[in-house]
N, C-alpha and C. Protein backbone atom coordinates (compact mmCIF):
# COMPACT_ATOMS: atom_id res chain seq x y z
N MET A 1 3.66 1.96 -18.17
CA MET A 1 3.08 2.16 -16.85
C MET A 1 3.46 0.99 -15.95
N VAL A 2 3.91 1.30 -14.76
CA VAL A 2 4.33 0.28 -13.81
C VAL A 2 3.11 -0.31 -13.12
N GLU A 3 3.06 -1.64 -13.11
CA GLU A 3 1.97 -2.31 -12.40
C GLU A 3 2.28 -2.27 -10.91
N LYS A 4 1.31 -1.87 -10.12
CA LYS A 4 1.53 -1.73 -8.69
C LYS A 4 0.64 -2.71 -7.92
N ARG A 5 1.20 -3.24 -6.89
CA ARG A 5 0.44 -4.10 -5.97
C ARG A 5 0.15 -3.25 -4.73
N ARG A 6 -1.09 -3.25 -4.30
CA ARG A 6 -1.49 -2.44 -3.16
C ARG A 6 -1.93 -3.34 -2.01
N ILE A 7 -1.49 -2.99 -0.82
CA ILE A 7 -1.87 -3.76 0.37
C ILE A 7 -2.40 -2.78 1.41
N LEU A 8 -3.59 -3.07 1.92
CA LEU A 8 -4.19 -2.27 2.98
C LEU A 8 -3.97 -2.99 4.30
N PHE A 9 -3.24 -2.34 5.18
CA PHE A 9 -3.02 -2.88 6.53
C PHE A 9 -4.17 -2.37 7.39
N ARG A 10 -4.88 -3.30 8.01
CA ARG A 10 -6.13 -2.96 8.70
C ARG A 10 -6.30 -3.80 9.95
N ILE A 11 -7.27 -3.42 10.77
CA ILE A 11 -7.69 -4.19 11.94
C ILE A 11 -9.18 -4.43 11.80
N GLU A 12 -9.59 -5.65 12.01
CA GLU A 12 -11.00 -6.04 11.91
C GLU A 12 -11.86 -5.15 12.80
N GLY A 13 -12.91 -4.59 12.24
CA GLY A 13 -13.86 -3.77 12.99
C GLY A 13 -13.46 -2.33 13.18
N CYS A 14 -12.30 -1.93 12.71
CA CYS A 14 -11.83 -0.55 12.84
C CYS A 14 -12.67 0.34 11.93
N PRO A 15 -13.35 1.35 12.49
CA PRO A 15 -14.21 2.20 11.65
C PRO A 15 -13.42 2.98 10.59
N TYR A 16 -12.19 3.36 10.89
CA TYR A 16 -11.37 4.08 9.91
C TYR A 16 -10.97 3.15 8.76
N CYS A 17 -10.71 1.90 9.10
CA CYS A 17 -10.36 0.90 8.08
C CYS A 17 -11.56 0.63 7.18
N ILE A 18 -12.72 0.50 7.79
CA ILE A 18 -13.96 0.26 7.03
C ILE A 18 -14.21 1.41 6.07
N ARG A 19 -14.00 2.63 6.54
CA ARG A 19 -14.20 3.81 5.69
C ARG A 19 -13.21 3.81 4.52
N ALA A 20 -11.95 3.47 4.79
CA ALA A 20 -10.94 3.42 3.73
C ALA A 20 -11.26 2.32 2.73
N GLU A 21 -11.67 1.14 3.21
CA GLU A 21 -12.02 0.04 2.32
C GLU A 21 -13.20 0.40 1.42
N LYS A 22 -14.16 1.08 1.99
CA LYS A 22 -15.33 1.49 1.20
C LYS A 22 -14.91 2.43 0.07
N ALA A 23 -14.04 3.38 0.39
CA ALA A 23 -13.57 4.33 -0.64
C ALA A 23 -12.77 3.60 -1.71
N LEU A 24 -11.91 2.66 -1.33
CA LEU A 24 -11.13 1.89 -2.29
C LEU A 24 -12.04 1.07 -3.19
N ASP A 25 -13.01 0.39 -2.56
CA ASP A 25 -13.94 -0.45 -3.32
C ASP A 25 -14.78 0.37 -4.30
N GLU A 26 -15.29 1.50 -3.83
CA GLU A 26 -16.12 2.35 -4.69
C GLU A 26 -15.31 2.96 -5.83
N SER A 27 -14.01 3.14 -5.62
CA SER A 27 -13.14 3.70 -6.66
C SER A 27 -12.63 2.63 -7.62
N GLY A 28 -12.90 1.37 -7.31
CA GLY A 28 -12.45 0.29 -8.18
C GLY A 28 -10.98 -0.05 -8.03
N VAL A 29 -10.37 0.39 -6.95
CA VAL A 29 -8.96 0.11 -6.71
C VAL A 29 -8.82 -1.36 -6.28
N ILE A 30 -7.89 -2.05 -6.92
CA ILE A 30 -7.62 -3.44 -6.57
C ILE A 30 -6.55 -3.46 -5.49
N TYR A 31 -6.83 -4.16 -4.39
CA TYR A 31 -5.89 -4.20 -3.27
C TYR A 31 -6.09 -5.50 -2.50
N GLU A 32 -5.11 -5.79 -1.68
CA GLU A 32 -5.17 -6.94 -0.79
C GLU A 32 -5.29 -6.42 0.63
N ARG A 33 -5.85 -7.24 1.49
CA ARG A 33 -5.98 -6.86 2.90
C ARG A 33 -4.97 -7.63 3.73
N PHE A 34 -4.38 -6.95 4.70
CA PHE A 34 -3.49 -7.60 5.64
C PHE A 34 -3.98 -7.25 7.03
N GLU A 35 -4.35 -8.27 7.80
CA GLU A 35 -4.86 -8.06 9.15
C GLU A 35 -3.71 -7.81 10.11
N VAL A 36 -3.74 -6.68 10.77
CA VAL A 36 -2.74 -6.31 11.76
C VAL A 36 -3.21 -6.79 13.12
N PRO A 37 -2.36 -7.50 13.86
CA PRO A 37 -2.77 -7.91 15.22
C PRO A 37 -3.01 -6.69 16.10
N ARG A 38 -4.06 -6.72 16.87
CA ARG A 38 -4.39 -5.57 17.74
C ARG A 38 -3.27 -5.27 18.73
N ASN A 39 -2.56 -6.30 19.16
CA ASN A 39 -1.55 -6.10 20.20
C ASN A 39 -0.13 -5.93 19.66
N ASP A 40 0.05 -5.91 18.34
CA ASP A 40 1.39 -5.73 17.77
C ASP A 40 1.30 -4.95 16.46
N ARG A 41 1.56 -3.67 16.57
CA ARG A 41 1.50 -2.80 15.38
C ARG A 41 2.89 -2.38 14.93
N SER A 42 3.89 -3.16 15.26
CA SER A 42 5.26 -2.79 14.92
C SER A 42 5.48 -2.72 13.41
N LEU A 43 4.85 -3.62 12.65
CA LEU A 43 5.00 -3.58 11.19
C LEU A 43 4.41 -2.30 10.62
N VAL A 44 3.24 -1.91 11.11
CA VAL A 44 2.60 -0.68 10.64
C VAL A 44 3.48 0.52 10.98
N SER A 45 4.05 0.52 12.17
CA SER A 45 4.95 1.62 12.58
C SER A 45 6.17 1.67 11.69
N LEU A 46 6.72 0.52 11.34
CA LEU A 46 7.89 0.47 10.48
C LEU A 46 7.57 1.01 9.08
N LEU A 47 6.41 0.65 8.55
CA LEU A 47 6.02 1.07 7.20
C LEU A 47 5.64 2.53 7.11
N SER A 48 4.91 3.02 8.11
CA SER A 48 4.33 4.36 7.99
C SER A 48 4.86 5.39 8.99
N GLY A 49 5.58 4.92 9.99
CA GLY A 49 6.05 5.85 11.02
C GLY A 49 5.02 6.14 12.08
N GLN A 50 3.89 5.45 12.02
CA GLN A 50 2.83 5.65 13.01
C GLN A 50 2.22 4.29 13.35
N PRO A 51 1.66 4.12 14.55
CA PRO A 51 1.09 2.84 14.93
C PRO A 51 -0.38 2.68 14.58
N THR A 52 -0.94 3.64 13.85
CA THR A 52 -2.37 3.60 13.58
C THR A 52 -2.67 3.02 12.21
N VAL A 53 -3.86 2.49 12.07
CA VAL A 53 -4.35 1.95 10.80
C VAL A 53 -5.56 2.77 10.39
N PRO A 54 -5.91 2.76 9.13
CA PRO A 54 -5.40 1.96 8.02
C PRO A 54 -4.15 2.59 7.41
N VAL A 55 -3.36 1.72 6.75
CA VAL A 55 -2.20 2.15 5.98
C VAL A 55 -2.26 1.42 4.65
N LEU A 56 -2.19 2.18 3.56
CA LEU A 56 -2.19 1.59 2.22
C LEU A 56 -0.78 1.72 1.66
N VAL A 57 -0.23 0.59 1.24
CA VAL A 57 1.13 0.54 0.72
C VAL A 57 1.08 0.10 -0.74
N GLU A 58 1.81 0.82 -1.60
CA GLU A 58 1.97 0.41 -2.99
C GLU A 58 3.35 -0.19 -3.14
N ILE A 59 3.37 -1.39 -3.68
CA ILE A 59 4.64 -2.09 -3.89
C ILE A 59 5.00 -2.00 -5.36
N ILE A 60 6.19 -1.55 -5.62
CA ILE A 60 6.69 -1.47 -6.99
C ILE A 60 7.86 -2.43 -7.10
N GLY A 61 7.88 -3.20 -8.17
CA GLY A 61 8.95 -4.15 -8.37
C GLY A 61 8.56 -5.56 -7.98
N SER A 62 7.25 -5.83 -7.97
CA SER A 62 6.80 -7.14 -7.54
C SER A 62 6.98 -8.21 -8.60
N LYS A 63 7.20 -7.83 -9.85
CA LYS A 63 7.40 -8.81 -10.92
C LYS A 63 8.79 -8.69 -11.52
N ASP A 64 9.08 -7.57 -12.16
CA ASP A 64 10.37 -7.40 -12.83
C ASP A 64 11.32 -6.56 -12.00
N GLN A 65 11.07 -6.42 -10.77
CA GLN A 65 11.86 -5.71 -9.78
C GLN A 65 12.59 -4.49 -10.30
N ASP A 66 13.82 -4.63 -10.76
CA ASP A 66 14.59 -3.44 -11.12
C ASP A 66 14.00 -2.70 -12.31
N ASP A 67 13.47 -3.42 -13.31
CA ASP A 67 12.86 -2.76 -14.47
C ASP A 67 11.69 -1.89 -14.04
N GLU A 68 10.86 -2.39 -13.14
CA GLU A 68 9.70 -1.62 -12.69
C GLU A 68 10.12 -0.41 -11.88
N ILE A 69 11.15 -0.55 -11.07
CA ILE A 69 11.63 0.58 -10.27
C ILE A 69 12.24 1.65 -11.18
N VAL A 70 12.99 1.23 -12.19
CA VAL A 70 13.57 2.17 -13.15
C VAL A 70 12.45 2.90 -13.90
N SER A 71 11.43 2.16 -14.36
CA SER A 71 10.29 2.78 -15.05
C SER A 71 9.58 3.77 -14.14
N TYR A 72 9.41 3.42 -12.89
CA TYR A 72 8.77 4.30 -11.92
C TYR A 72 9.55 5.61 -11.78
N CYS A 73 10.87 5.51 -11.73
CA CYS A 73 11.70 6.71 -11.62
C CYS A 73 11.56 7.58 -12.85
N LYS A 74 11.44 6.95 -14.02
CA LYS A 74 11.24 7.72 -15.24
C LYS A 74 9.90 8.44 -15.22
N GLU A 75 8.86 7.76 -14.72
CA GLU A 75 7.53 8.38 -14.62
C GLU A 75 7.58 9.60 -13.71
N LEU A 76 8.37 9.53 -12.68
CA LEU A 76 8.49 10.65 -11.75
C LEU A 76 9.32 11.79 -12.32
N GLY A 77 10.01 11.50 -13.43
CA GLY A 77 10.82 12.54 -14.06
C GLY A 77 12.21 12.68 -13.50
N GLY A 78 12.60 11.75 -12.65
CA GLY A 78 13.92 11.86 -12.03
C GLY A 78 15.00 11.06 -12.72
N LEU A 79 14.66 10.39 -13.82
CA LEU A 79 15.66 9.57 -14.51
C LEU A 79 15.48 9.76 -15.99
N GLN A 80 16.55 10.04 -16.67
CA GLN A 80 16.50 10.27 -18.11
C GLN A 80 16.76 8.95 -18.86
N GLY A 81 16.15 8.84 -20.08
CA GLY A 81 16.41 7.71 -20.97
C GLY A 81 15.70 6.52 -20.57
């Protein structure tokens, strides 16, 4: 199983972000928070194709990079062996 790092892109006081954080916390999901500046959402747009928050990103390959990506592809069934 590939270890995944999760990052929640959020804005302080955003009711949608608060709702998402509550669901993540209640589900026991481990994640990090990244505060998005209110006046610059270009990173969020680049990651998700939309300027709105919250956005949850799973990063694969944070430790063994290529090995984790290869394992992930095998889990998806798109890579043999």
